[in-house]
C-alpha atoms as a PDB file:
ATOM      1  CA  UNK A   1      16.535 -35.632  -2.138  1.00  0.00           C
ATOM      2  CA  UNK A   2      18.234 -33.376   0.421  1.00  0.00           C
ATOM      3  CA  UNK A   3      21.073 -31.257  -0.962  1.00  0.00           C
ATOM      4  CA  UNK A   4      24.145 -30.402   1.074  1.00  0.00           C
ATOM      5  CA  UNK A   5      23.909 -26.633   0.680  1.00  0.00           C
ATOM      6  CA  UNK A   6      27.489 -25.836   1.620  1.00  0.00           C
ATOM      7  CA  UNK A   7      28.934 -28.463  -0.755  1.00  0.00           C
ATOM      8  CA  UNK A   8      26.856 -27.259  -3.681  1.00  0.00           C
ATOM      9  CA  UNK A   9      27.817 -23.659  -3.013  1.00  0.00           C
ATOM     10  CA  UNK A  10      31.506 -24.503  -2.922  1.00  0.00           C
ATOM     11  CA  UNK A  11      31.345 -26.558  -6.115  1.00  0.00           C
ATOM     12  CA  UNK A  12      29.413 -24.057  -8.227  1.00  0.00           C
ATOM     13  CA  UNK A  13      31.163 -20.695  -8.127  1.00  0.00           C
ATOM     14  CA  UNK A  14      28.735 -17.948  -9.053  1.00  0.00           C
ATOM     15  CA  UNK A  15      29.724 -14.314  -8.743  1.00  0.00           C
ATOM     16  CA  UNK A  16      26.961 -12.339  -7.027  1.00  0.00           C
ATOM     17  CA  UNK A  17      26.309  -9.200  -9.027  1.00  0.00           C
ATOM     18  CA  UNK A  18      26.112  -5.805  -7.335  1.00  0.00           C
ATOM     19  CA  UNK A  19      24.025  -3.769  -7.597  1.00  0.00           C
ATOM     20  CA  UNK A  20      20.773  -5.736  -7.727  1.00  0.00           C
ATOM     21  CA  UNK A  21      19.945  -7.043 -11.218  1.00  0.00           C
ATOM     22  CA  UNK A  22      17.552  -5.089 -13.376  1.00  0.00           C
ATOM     23  CA  UNK A  23      13.991  -6.240 -13.986  1.00  0.00           C
ATOM     24  CA  UNK A  24      15.031  -7.606 -17.380  1.00  0.00           C
ATOM     25  CA  UNK A  25      17.975  -9.501 -15.889  1.00  0.00           C
ATOM     26  CA  UNK A  26      15.788 -10.953 -13.152  1.00  0.00           C
ATOM     27  CA  UNK A  27      13.234 -12.084 -15.704  1.00  0.00           C
ATOM     28  CA  UNK A  28      15.955 -13.918 -17.628  1.00  0.00           C
ATOM     29  CA  UNK A  29      17.173 -15.562 -14.410  1.00  0.00           C
ATOM     30  CA  UNK A  30      13.819 -16.902 -13.226  1.00  0.00           C
ATOM     31  CA  UNK A  31      12.558 -18.070 -16.598  1.00  0.00           C
ATOM     32  CA  UNK A  32      15.427 -20.485 -17.129  1.00  0.00           C
ATOM     33  CA  UNK A  33      14.515 -24.150 -17.441  1.00  0.00           C
ATOM     34  CA  UNK A  34      14.178 -26.203 -14.275  1.00  0.00           C
ATOM     35  CA  UNK A  35      17.387 -27.984 -15.258  1.00  0.00           C
ATOM     36  CA  UNK A  36      19.208 -24.655 -15.361  1.00  0.00           C
ATOM     37  CA  UNK A  37      17.829 -23.347 -12.070  1.00  0.00           C
ATOM     38  CA  UNK A  38      20.717 -24.483  -9.857  1.00  0.00           C
ATOM     39  CA  UNK A  39      22.829 -21.425 -10.685  1.00  0.00           C
ATOM     40  CA  UNK A  40      19.891 -19.233  -9.656  1.00  0.00           C
ATOM     41  CA  UNK A  41      19.603 -21.072  -6.335  1.00  0.00           C
ATOM     42  CA  UNK A  42      23.322 -20.846  -5.623  1.00  0.00           C
ATOM     43  CA  UNK A  43      23.250 -17.103  -6.376  1.00  0.00           C
ATOM     44  CA  UNK A  44      20.352 -16.680  -3.944  1.00  0.00           C
ATOM     45  CA  UNK A  45      22.007 -18.863  -1.309  1.00  0.00           C
ATOM     46  CA  UNK A  46      25.214 -16.836  -1.458  1.00  0.00           C
ATOM     47  CA  UNK A  47      23.195 -13.714  -0.732  1.00  0.00           C
ATOM     48  CA  UNK A  48      21.441 -15.459   2.150  1.00  0.00           C
ATOM     49  CA  UNK A  49      24.761 -16.525   3.638  1.00  0.00           C
ATOM     50  CA  UNK A  50      26.260 -13.073   3.130  1.00  0.00           C
ATOM     51  CA  UNK A  51      23.496 -11.206   4.943  1.00  0.00           C
ATOM     52  CA  UNK A  52      21.963 -13.862   7.237  1.00  0.00           C
ATOM     53  CA  UNK A  53      24.815 -16.259   7.956  1.00  0.00           C
ATOM     54  CA  UNK A  54      23.770 -19.678   9.241  1.00  0.00           C
ATOM     55  CA  UNK A  55      20.703 -18.418  11.074  1.00  0.00           C
ATOM     56  CA  UNK A  56      17.150 -19.374  10.136  1.00  0.00           C
ATOM     57  CA  UNK A  57      14.339 -18.138  12.375  1.00  0.00           C
ATOM     58  CA  UNK A  58      11.040 -19.879  12.994  1.00  0.00           C
ATOM     59  CA  UNK A  59       7.642 -18.330  13.560  1.00  0.00           C
ATOM     60  CA  UNK A  60       4.220 -19.684  14.405  1.00  0.00           C
ATOM     61  CA  UNK A  61       0.764 -18.185  14.069  1.00  0.00           C
ATOM     62  CA  UNK A  62      -2.628 -18.439  15.730  1.00  0.00           C
ATOM     63  CA  UNK A  63      -5.894 -17.964  13.875  1.00  0.00           C
ATOM     64  CA  UNK A  64      -7.332 -16.019  16.799  1.00  0.00           C
ATOM     65  CA  UNK A  65     -10.537 -15.000  15.014  1.00  0.00           C
ATOM     66  CA  UNK A  66     -11.845 -17.094  12.138  1.00  0.00           C
ATOM     67  CA  UNK A  67     -14.217 -16.521   9.244  1.00  0.00           C
ATOM     68  CA  UNK A  68     -16.938 -13.997   8.363  1.00  0.00           C
ATOM     69  CA  UNK A  69     -14.425 -11.701   6.645  1.00  0.00           C
ATOM     70  CA  UNK A  70     -16.043  -8.950   4.587  1.00  0.00           C
ATOM     71  CA  UNK A  71     -13.299  -9.070   1.930  1.00  0.00           C
ATOM     72  CA  UNK A  72     -13.646 -11.187  -1.237  1.00  0.00           C
ATOM     73  CA  UNK A  73     -10.040 -12.392  -1.719  1.00  0.00           C
ATOM     74  CA  UNK A  74     -10.514 -15.284  -4.148  1.00  0.00           C
ATOM     75  CA  UNK A  75      -8.062 -17.627  -2.408  1.00  0.00           C
ATOM     76  CA  UNK A  76      -9.383 -17.222   1.131  1.00  0.00           C
ATOM     77  CA  UNK A  77     -11.446 -19.803   2.995  1.00  0.00           C
ATOM     78  CA  UNK A  78     -12.390 -17.181   5.606  1.00  0.00           C
ATOM     79  CA  UNK A  79     -14.208 -14.854   3.218  1.00  0.00           C
ATOM     80  CA  UNK A  80     -17.936 -14.479   3.939  1.00  0.00           C
ATOM     81  CA  UNK A  81     -18.459 -14.341   0.160  1.00  0.00           C
ATOM     82  CA  UNK A  82     -17.771 -18.092  -0.236  1.00  0.00           C
ATOM     83  CA  UNK A  83     -19.145 -21.341   1.186  1.00  0.00           C
ATOM     84  CA  UNK A  84     -16.222 -23.180   2.747  1.00  0.00           C
ATOM     85  CA  UNK A  85     -16.008 -25.774   5.479  1.00  0.00           C
ATOM     86  CA  UNK A  86     -13.970 -24.023   8.139  1.00  0.00           C
ATOM     87  CA  UNK A  87     -14.437 -23.332  11.819  1.00  0.00           C
ATOM     88  CA  UNK A  88     -15.969 -19.894  12.397  1.00  0.00           C
ATOM     89  CA  UNK A  89     -15.495 -18.217  15.775  1.00  0.00           C
ATOM     90  CA  UNK A  90     -15.066 -14.762  17.365  1.00  0.00           C
ATOM     91  CA  UNK A  91     -11.812 -13.493  18.871  1.00  0.00           C
ATOM     92  CA  UNK A  92     -10.327 -15.944  21.337  1.00  0.00           C
ATOM     93  CA  UNK A  93      -9.903 -14.962  24.961  1.00  0.00           C
ATOM     94  CA  UNK A  94      -6.651 -13.666  26.346  1.00  0.00           C
ATOM     95  CA  UNK A  95      -6.160 -17.014  28.120  1.00  0.00           C
ATOM     96  CA  UNK A  96      -6.576 -19.005  24.897  1.00  0.00           C
ATOM     97  CA  UNK A  97      -4.147 -16.791  22.984  1.00  0.00           C
ATOM     98  CA  UNK A  98      -1.483 -16.973  25.696  1.00  0.00           C
ATOM     99  CA  UNK A  99      -1.858 -20.768  25.945  1.00  0.00           C
ATOM    100  CA  UNK A 100      -1.136 -21.198  22.238  1.00  0.00           C
ATOM    101  CA  UNK A 101       1.845 -18.857  22.440  1.00  0.00           C
ATOM    102  CA  UNK A 102       3.338 -20.916  25.256  1.00  0.00           C
ATOM    103  CA  UNK A 103       2.867 -24.117  23.249  1.00  0.00           C
ATOM    104  CA  UNK A 104       4.683 -22.691  20.240  1.00  0.00           C
ATOM    105  CA  UNK A 105       7.480 -21.304  22.399  1.00  0.00           C
ATOM    106  CA  UNK A 106       7.926 -24.736  23.978  1.00  0.00           C
ATOM    107  CA  UNK A 107       8.139 -26.274  20.492  1.00  0.00           C
ATOM    108  CA  UNK A 108      10.977 -23.944  19.523  1.00  0.00           C
ATOM    109  CA  UNK A 109       9.283 -21.107  17.621  1.00  0.00           C
ATOM    110  CA  UNK A 110      10.970 -17.737  18.074  1.00  0.00           C
ATOM    111  CA  UNK A 111       8.147 -15.487  16.877  1.00  0.00           C
ATOM    112  CA  UNK A 112       4.409 -15.738  17.471  1.00  0.00           C
ATOM    113  CA  UNK A 113       1.778 -13.895  15.461  1.00  0.00           C
ATOM    114  CA  UNK A 114      -1.805 -13.202  16.480  1.00  0.00           C
ATOM    115  CA  UNK A 115      -3.917 -13.265  13.310  1.00  0.00           C
ATOM    116  CA  UNK A 116      -7.545 -12.173  12.977  1.00  0.00           C
ATOM    117  CA  UNK A 117      -9.923 -12.332  10.039  1.00  0.00           C
ATOM    118  CA  UNK A 118     -11.739  -9.237   8.859  1.00  0.00           C
ATOM    119  CA  UNK A 119     -11.049  -5.857   7.334  1.00  0.00           C
ATOM    120  CA  UNK A 120     -10.171  -4.138  10.610  1.00  0.00           C
ATOM    121  CA  UNK A 121     -10.261  -4.997  14.346  1.00  0.00           C
ATOM    122  CA  UNK A 122     -12.696  -3.336  16.752  1.00  0.00           C
ATOM    123  CA  UNK A 123     -11.537  -1.409  19.798  1.00  0.00           C
ATOM    124  CA  UNK A 124     -12.720  -4.227  22.077  1.00  0.00           C
ATOM    125  CA  UNK A 125     -10.763  -6.774  20.034  1.00  0.00           C
ATOM    126  CA  UNK A 126      -7.655  -4.609  20.163  1.00  0.00           C
ATOM    127  CA  UNK A 127      -7.904  -4.314  23.947  1.00  0.00           C
ATOM    128  CA  UNK A 128      -8.003  -8.103  24.306  1.00  0.00           C
ATOM    129  CA  UNK A 129      -5.003  -8.417  22.003  1.00  0.00           C
ATOM    130  CA  UNK A 130      -3.058  -5.766  23.957  1.00  0.00           C
ATOM    131  CA  UNK A 131      -3.643  -7.727  27.171  1.00  0.00           C
ATOM    132  CA  UNK A 132      -2.582 -10.995  25.515  1.00  0.00           C
ATOM    133  CA  UNK A 133       0.589  -9.426  24.133  1.00  0.00           C
ATOM    134  CA  UNK A 134       1.588  -8.145  27.567  1.00  0.00           C
ATOM    135  CA  UNK A 135       1.053 -11.580  29.100  1.00  0.00           C
ATOM    136  CA  UNK A 136       2.977 -13.381  26.333  1.00  0.00           C
ATOM    137  CA  UNK A 137       5.892 -10.954  26.668  1.00  0.00           C
ATOM    138  CA  UNK A 138       6.053 -11.528  30.418  1.00  0.00           C
ATOM    139  CA  UNK A 139       5.754 -15.329  30.268  1.00  0.00           C
ATOM    140  CA  UNK A 140       7.827 -16.250  27.187  1.00  0.00           C
ATOM    141  CA  UNK A 141      10.835 -15.085  25.193  1.00  0.00           C
ATOM    142  CA  UNK A 142       8.785 -14.895  21.992  1.00  0.00           C
ATOM    143  CA  UNK A 143       8.810 -11.880  19.737  1.00  0.00           C
ATOM    144  CA  UNK A 144       5.131 -11.039  19.380  1.00  0.00           C
ATOM    145  CA  UNK A 145       3.702 -10.152  15.988  1.00  0.00           C
ATOM    146  CA  UNK A 146       0.213  -9.239  14.804  1.00  0.00           C
ATOM    147  CA  UNK A 147      -1.774  -9.535  11.586  1.00  0.00           C
ATOM    148  CA  UNK A 148      -5.074  -7.734  12.095  1.00  0.00           C
ATOM    149  CA  UNK A 149      -6.002  -6.299   8.719  1.00  0.00           C
ATOM    150  CA  UNK A 150      -6.113  -2.615   7.853  1.00  0.00           C
ATOM    151  CA  UNK A 151      -4.572  -0.334  10.482  1.00  0.00           C
ATOM    152  CA  UNK A 152      -5.303   3.181  11.648  1.00  0.00           C
ATOM    153  CA  UNK A 153      -2.446   5.314  12.974  1.00  0.00           C
ATOM    154  CA  UNK A 154      -3.908   5.110  16.471  1.00  0.00           C
ATOM    155  CA  UNK A 155      -4.136   1.314  16.379  1.00  0.00           C
ATOM    156  CA  UNK A 156      -0.580   1.001  15.037  1.00  0.00           C
ATOM    157  CA  UNK A 157       0.818   3.200  17.789  1.00  0.00           C
ATOM    158  CA  UNK A 158      -1.114   1.251  20.433  1.00  0.00           C
ATOM    159  CA  UNK A 159       0.184  -2.060  19.081  1.00  0.00           C
ATOM    160  CA  UNK A 160       3.743  -0.793  19.272  1.00  0.00           C
ATOM    161  CA  UNK A 161       3.257   0.490  22.801  1.00  0.00           C
ATOM    162  CA  UNK A 162       1.714  -2.821  23.888  1.00  0.00           C
ATOM    163  CA  UNK A 163       4.867  -4.724  22.927  1.00  0.00           C
ATOM    164  CA  UNK A 164       4.136  -5.945  19.401  1.00  0.00           C
ATOM    165  CA  UNK A 165       7.392  -5.904  17.438  1.00  0.00           C
ATOM    166  CA  UNK A 166       6.277  -6.895  13.919  1.00  0.00           C
ATOM    167  CA  UNK A 167       3.162  -6.178  11.901  1.00  0.00           C
ATOM    168  CA  UNK A 168       2.185  -8.523   9.105  1.00  0.00           C
ATOM    169  CA  UNK A 169       0.013  -7.451   6.197  1.00  0.00           C
ATOM    170  CA  UNK A 170       0.385  -9.110   2.806  1.00  0.00           C
ATOM    171  CA  UNK A 171       0.036  -7.354  -0.527  1.00  0.00           C
ATOM    172  CA  UNK A 172      -0.738 -10.866  -1.850  1.00  0.00           C
ATOM    173  CA  UNK A 173       0.204 -10.127  -5.462  1.00  0.00           C
ATOM    174  CA  UNK A 174       1.322  -7.384  -7.852  1.00  0.00           C
ATOM    175  CA  UNK A 175      -0.757  -4.237  -8.276  1.00  0.00           C
ATOM    176  CA  UNK A 176      -1.352  -5.147 -11.929  1.00  0.00           C
ATOM    177  CA  UNK A 177      -2.937  -8.458 -10.869  1.00  0.00           C
ATOM    178  CA  UNK A 178      -4.740  -7.342  -7.709  1.00  0.00           C
ATOM    179  CA  UNK A 179      -8.118  -6.691  -9.323  1.00  0.00           C
ATOM    180  CA  UNK A 180      -8.224 -10.389 -10.216  1.00  0.00           C
ATOM    181  CA  UNK A 181      -7.735 -11.289  -6.564  1.00  0.00           C
ATOM    182  CA  UNK A 182      -9.760  -8.782  -4.529  1.00  0.00           C
ATOM    183  CA  UNK A 183     -12.237  -5.987  -5.294  1.00  0.00           C
ATOM    184  CA  UNK A 184     -13.578  -5.063  -1.844  1.00  0.00           C
ATOM    185  CA  UNK A 185     -10.580  -2.924  -0.935  1.00  0.00           C
ATOM    186  CA  UNK A 186      -7.802  -1.275  -2.907  1.00  0.00           C
ATOM    187  CA  UNK A 187      -4.124  -2.054  -3.271  1.00  0.00           C
ATOM    188  CA  UNK A 188      -3.426   1.367  -1.807  1.00  0.00           C
ATOM    189  CA  UNK A 189      -5.352   0.397   1.347  1.00  0.00           C
ATOM    190  CA  UNK A 190      -2.826  -2.375   1.873  1.00  0.00           C
ATOM    191  CA  UNK A 191       0.175  -0.188   1.074  1.00  0.00           C
ATOM    192  CA  UNK A 192      -1.050   2.548   3.415  1.00  0.00           C
ATOM    193  CA  UNK A 193      -1.280   0.027   6.255  1.00  0.00           C
ATOM    194  CA  UNK A 194       2.381  -0.895   5.729  1.00  0.00           C
ATOM    195  CA  UNK A 195       3.365   2.767   5.758  1.00  0.00           C
ATOM    196  CA  UNK A 196       1.337   3.424   8.929  1.00  0.00           C
ATOM    197  CA  UNK A 197       2.827   0.400  10.702  1.00  0.00           C
ATOM    198  CA  UNK A 198       6.379   1.395   9.801  1.00  0.00           C
ATOM    199  CA  UNK A 199       5.746   4.985  10.903  1.00  0.00           C
ATOM    200  CA  UNK A 200       4.593   3.713  14.307  1.00  0.00           C
ATOM    201  CA  UNK A 201       7.920   1.916  14.815  1.00  0.00           C
ATOM    202  CA  UNK A 202       6.784  -1.590  13.960  1.00  0.00           C
ATOM    203  CA  UNK A 203       8.889  -3.871  11.795  1.00  0.00           C
ATOM    204  CA  UNK A 204       6.870  -4.703   8.692  1.00  0.00           C
ATOM    205  CA  UNK A 205       6.268  -8.171   7.301  1.00  0.00           C
ATOM    206  CA  UNK A 206       4.613  -8.273   3.873  1.00  0.00           C
ATOM    207  CA  UNK A 207       4.619 -10.678   0.975  1.00  0.00           C
ATOM    208  CA  UNK A 208       2.076 -12.742  -0.849  1.00  0.00           C
ATOM    209  CA  UNK A 209       0.910 -15.947  -2.433  1.00  0.00           C
ATOM    210  CA  UNK A 210       2.528 -17.544  -5.455  1.00  0.00           C
ATOM    211  CA  UNK A 211       0.252 -19.425  -7.835  1.00  0.00           C
ATOM    212  CA  UNK A 212      -2.705 -17.043  -8.043  1.00  0.00           C
ATOM    213  CA  UNK A 213      -2.459 -16.934 -11.828  1.00  0.00           C
ATOM    214  CA  UNK A 214       0.180 -14.207 -11.866  1.00  0.00           C
ATOM    215  CA  UNK A 215       2.963 -14.073 -14.461  1.00  0.00           C
ATOM    216  CA  UNK A 216       6.700 -13.990 -13.778  1.00  0.00           C
ATOM    217  CA  UNK A 217       6.657 -10.299 -14.698  1.00  0.00           C
ATOM    218  CA  UNK A 218       4.037  -9.714 -12.004  1.00  0.00           C
ATOM    219  CA  UNK A 219       6.053 -11.638  -9.427  1.00  0.00           C
ATOM    220  CA  UNK A 220       9.001  -9.380 -10.231  1.00  0.00           C
ATOM    221  CA  UNK A 221       6.719  -6.334 -10.035  1.00  0.00           C
ATOM    222  CA  UNK A 222       5.654  -7.367  -6.553  1.00  0.00           C
ATOM    223  CA  UNK A 223       9.247  -8.018  -5.458  1.00  0.00           C
ATOM    224  CA  UNK A 224      10.238  -4.502  -6.473  1.00  0.00           C
ATOM    225  CA  UNK A 225       7.147  -2.966  -4.849  1.00  0.00           C
ATOM    226  CA  UNK A 226       8.195  -4.548  -1.554  1.00  0.00           C
ATOM    227  CA  UNK A 227      11.722  -3.302  -2.132  1.00  0.00           C
ATOM    228  CA  UNK A 228      10.468   0.265  -2.626  1.00  0.00           C
ATOM    229  CA  UNK A 229       8.402  -0.011   0.567  1.00  0.00           C
ATOM    230  CA  UNK A 230      11.510  -1.239   2.422  1.00  0.00           C
ATOM    231  CA  UNK A 231       9.658  -3.989   4.264  1.00  0.00           C
ATOM    232  CA  UNK A 232      11.694  -5.936   6.802  1.00  0.00           C
ATOM    233  CA  UNK A 233      10.446  -9.436   6.109  1.00  0.00           C
ATOM    234  CA  UNK A 234       8.844 -11.053   3.056  1.00  0.00           C
ATOM    235  CA  UNK A 235       6.633 -14.110   3.638  1.00  0.00           C
ATOM    236  CA  UNK A 236       6.238 -16.341   0.589  1.00  0.00           C
ATOM    237  CA  UNK A 237       3.127 -18.529   0.488  1.00  0.00           C
ATOM    238  CA  UNK A 238       2.009 -20.983  -2.186  1.00  0.00           C
ATOM    239  CA  UNK A 239      -1.618 -21.395  -3.150  1.00  0.00           C
ATOM    240  CA  UNK A 240      -3.276 -24.361  -1.503  1.00  0.00           C
ATOM    241  CA  UNK A 241      -6.655 -24.366  -3.307  1.00  0.00           C
ATOM    242  CA  UNK A 242      -9.588 -24.498  -0.894  1.00  0.00           C
ATOM    243  CA  UNK A 243     -12.930 -26.061  -1.870  1.00  0.00           C
ATOM    244  CA  UNK A 244     -15.617 -23.405  -2.141  1.00  0.00           C
ATOM    245  CA  UNK A 245     -13.309 -20.564  -3.178  1.00  0.00           C
ATOM    246  CA  UNK A 246     -13.062 -19.308  -6.781  1.00  0.00           C
ATOM    247  CA  UNK A 247      -9.571 -20.816  -7.038  1.00  0.00           C
ATOM    248  CA  UNK A 248     -10.541 -24.290  -5.853  1.00  0.00           C
ATOM    249  CA  UNK A 249      -9.722 -25.812  -9.260  1.00  0.00           C
ATOM    250  CA  UNK A 250      -6.428 -23.987  -9.842  1.00  0.00           C
ATOM    251  CA  UNK A 251      -3.430 -26.280 -10.208  1.00  0.00           C
ATOM    252  CA  UNK A 252      -0.454 -26.081  -7.875  1.00  0.00           C
ATOM    253  CA  UNK A 253       2.729 -24.537  -9.187  1.00  0.00           C
ATOM    254  CA  UNK A 254       5.640 -26.960  -9.557  1.00  0.00           C
ATOM    255  CA  UNK A 255       8.291 -27.371  -6.825  1.00  0.00           C
ATOM    256  CA  UNK A 256      10.954 -25.815  -9.081  1.00  0.00           C
ATOM    257  CA  UNK A 257       8.742 -22.810  -9.848  1.00  0.00           C
ATOM    258  CA  UNK A 258       8.133 -22.358  -6.127  1.00  0.00           C
ATOM    259  CA  UNK A 259      11.861 -22.469  -5.397  1.00  0.00           C
ATOM    260  CA  UNK A 260      12.571 -19.988  -8.194  1.00  0.00           C
ATOM    261  CA  UNK A 261      10.014 -17.644  -6.601  1.00  0.00           C
ATOM    262  CA  UNK A 262      11.933 -17.780  -3.313  1.00  0.00           C
ATOM    263  CA  UNK A 263      15.194 -17.065  -5.128  1.00  0.00           C
ATOM    264  CA  UNK A 264      13.618 -14.142  -6.979  1.00  0.00           C
ATOM    265  CA  UNK A 265      12.576 -12.392  -3.768  1.00  0.00           C
ATOM    266  CA  UNK A 266      15.983 -13.018  -2.164  1.00  0.00           C
ATOM    267  CA  UNK A 267      17.887 -11.592  -5.130  1.00  0.00           C
ATOM    268  CA  UNK A 268      15.593  -8.565  -5.422  1.00  0.00           C
ATOM    269  CA  UNK A 269      15.715  -7.953  -1.643  1.00  0.00           C
ATOM    270  CA  UNK A 270      19.094  -9.370  -0.583  1.00  0.00           C
ATOM    271  CA  UNK A 271      19.225  -7.970   2.960  1.00  0.00           C
ATOM    272  CA  UNK A 272      15.655  -8.793   3.949  1.00  0.00           C
ATOM    273  CA  UNK A 273      14.230 -11.877   5.611  1.00  0.00           C
ATOM    274  CA  UNK A 274      12.558 -14.246   3.164  1.00  0.00           C
ATOM    275  CA  UNK A 275      10.151 -16.491   5.062  1.00  0.00           C
ATOM    276  CA  UNK A 276       8.552 -19.599   3.572  1.00  0.00           C
ATOM    277  CA  UNK A 277       5.013 -20.025   4.885  1.00  0.00           C
ATOM    278  CA  UNK A 278       1.702 -21.632   3.932  1.00  0.00           C
ATOM    279  CA  UNK A 279       1.298 -24.142   1.134  1.00  0.00           C
ATOM    280  CA  UNK A 280       4.881 -25.384   1.188  1.00  0.00           C
ATOM    281  CA  UNK A 281       3.937 -28.925   2.181  1.00  0.00           C
ATOM    282  CA  UNK A 282       1.572 -29.524  -0.730  1.00  0.00           C
ATOM    283  CA  UNK A 283       3.629 -27.564  -3.265  1.00  0.00           C
ATOM    284  CA  UNK A 284       7.239 -28.458  -2.463  1.00  0.00           C
ATOM    285  CA  UNK A 285       6.634 -31.955  -1.135  1.00  0.00           C
ATOM    286  CA  UNK A 286      10.070 -33.653  -0.923  1.00  0.00           C
ATOM    287  CA  UNK A 287      11.841 -30.420  -1.901  1.00  0.00           C
ATOM    288  CA  UNK A 288      11.087 -28.533   1.332  1.00  0.00           C
ATOM    289  CA  UNK A 289      14.710 -28.660   2.474  1.00  0.00           C
ATOM    290  CA  UNK A 290      15.689 -26.795  -0.695  1.00  0.00           C
ATOM    291  CA  UNK A 291      14.067 -23.555   0.512  1.00  0.00           C
ATOM    292  CA  UNK A 292      17.301 -22.498   2.206  1.00  0.00           C
ATOM    293  CA  UNK A 293      19.374 -23.192  -0.895  1.00  0.00           C
ATOM    294  CA  UNK A 294      16.876 -20.964  -2.742  1.00  0.00           C
ATOM    295  CA  UNK A 295      17.504 -18.121  -0.285  1.00  0.00           C
ATOM    296  CA  UNK A 296      14.971 -18.466   2.542  1.00  0.00           C
ATOM    297  CA  UNK A 297      16.062 -17.263   5.978  1.00  0.00           C
ATOM    298  CA  UNK A 298      12.843 -17.974   7.870  1.00  0.00           C
ATOM    299  CA  UNK A 299      10.259 -20.713   8.179  1.00  0.00           C
ATOM    300  CA  UNK A 300       6.700 -20.685   9.465  1.00  0.00           C
ATOM    301  CA  UNK A 301       6.144 -23.788  11.585  1.00  0.00           C
ATOM    302  CA  UNK A 302       3.035 -25.495  12.878  1.00  0.00           C
ATOM    303  CA  UNK A 303      -0.435 -25.048  11.445  1.00  0.00           C
ATOM    304  CA  UNK A 304      -1.626 -22.185   9.251  1.00  0.00           C
ATOM    305  CA  UNK A 305      -4.892 -20.265   9.322  1.00  0.00           C
ATOM    306  CA  UNK A 306      -7.291 -22.901   8.003  1.00  0.00           C
ATOM    307  CA  UNK A 307      -4.926 -25.654   6.836  1.00  0.00           C
ATOM    308  CA  UNK A 308      -2.526 -27.964   8.657  1.00  0.00           C
ATOM    309  CA  UNK A 309       1.246 -27.878   8.478  1.00  0.00           C
ATOM    310  CA  UNK A 310       3.575 -30.733   9.297  1.00  0.00           C
ATOM    311  CA  UNK A 311       5.073 -31.422  12.723  1.00  0.00           C
ATOM    312  CA  UNK A 312       7.302 -28.727  14.184  1.00  0.00           C
ATOM    313  CA  UNK A 313       9.791 -31.424  15.205  1.00  0.00           C
ATOM    314  CA  UNK A 314      10.243 -32.412  11.558  1.00  0.00           C
ATOM    315  CA  UNK A 315      10.958 -28.813  10.558  1.00  0.00           C
ATOM    316  CA  UNK A 316      13.432 -28.310  13.413  1.00  0.00           C
ATOM    317  CA  UNK A 317      15.238 -31.470  12.335  1.00  0.00           C
ATOM    318  CA  UNK A 318      15.314 -30.223   8.734  1.00  0.00           C
ATOM    319  CA  UNK A 319      16.947 -26.960   9.825  1.00  0.00           C
ATOM    320  CA  UNK A 320      19.589 -28.802  11.850  1.00  0.00           C
ATOM    321  CA  UNK A 321      20.324 -31.250   9.032  1.00  0.00           C
ATOM    322  CA  UNK A 322      21.136 -28.323   6.745  1.00  0.00           C
ATOM    323  CA  UNK A 323      23.800 -27.118   9.188  1.00  0.00           C
ATOM    324  CA  UNK A 324      21.654 -24.098  10.095  1.00  0.00           C
ATOM    325  CA  UNK A 325      20.645 -22.670  13.467  1.00  0.00           C
ATOM    326  CA  UNK A 326      17.217 -21.610  14.693  1.00  0.00           C
ATOM    327  CA  UNK A 327      17.806 -18.021  15.808  1.00  0.00           C
ATOM    328  CA  UNK A 328      16.324 -14.593  15.359  1.00  0.00           C
ATOM    329  CA  UNK A 329      17.950 -12.403  12.690  1.00  0.00           C
ATOM    330  CA  UNK A 330      20.095  -9.454  13.596  1.00  0.00           C
ATOM    331  CA  UNK A 331      18.596  -6.093  12.707  1.00  0.00           C
ATOM    332  CA  UNK A 332      20.684  -4.704   9.837  1.00  0.00           C
END
């Protein structure tokens, strides 16, 4: 079922409250029954239209270095702590990275992110990435992003100077739930990286994964943590359980729960970009076109780190069918 977003919005008149609802009010909104969720979606969609108009941007990523990560994040197929069946390889060459960027640009992606596994990149790895960024910037119109783990101030400044515009580093979940997800580094390590990246002049992209066993209260906690950090973009992923990880047996959250998560982050962070990323295919299934009604203003296209997405052409068609346009957001 594919809803006509504009028709639904015009039929159901919902006054958008200002200022942002309190934690208690948000909890009441997101814990409504699935049957009563449409008002929540319309509220979120009105905020999306108010601050983002008809634009939805697309981004693609490259798993430029895979596996052997020292961290023990319980959802991650790339952790060296677990036995998973993934490809393991060192950092790709500059030529390989640029080739993938060109492919994504040709497919219609507007942003391209270089992603590496591991706690922190080496100087040699950073130098290769700097060279790749310069080549991508000269040969495409892509905005270049990076997701390289924990940052030092020096590395953040060098990334900015090389031409990287956005730095991605997920908090993954709420602080109160983090010790159930990772114990090899602290929540403050992740927060400090966001602060360092922002200080260096980089736009900051940070969100997490829904379905890690967190409660609605913890999802709200995370939404307000990101609000306090004033991140620019919030990627929302949904757990896709990977064989060999501690969460391999965890059930998927329902499509309506996933959509309510998107709406929650839009309502708590009305002016920010809310980007729907990994796990949407297996979680949302036939409800993928509803992400915009729920408040999303961005979509990750193509494949993910260790799992496959659907065809980029299908996603571009979905955007067009909703009366939306693939374009980069204006900086507010």
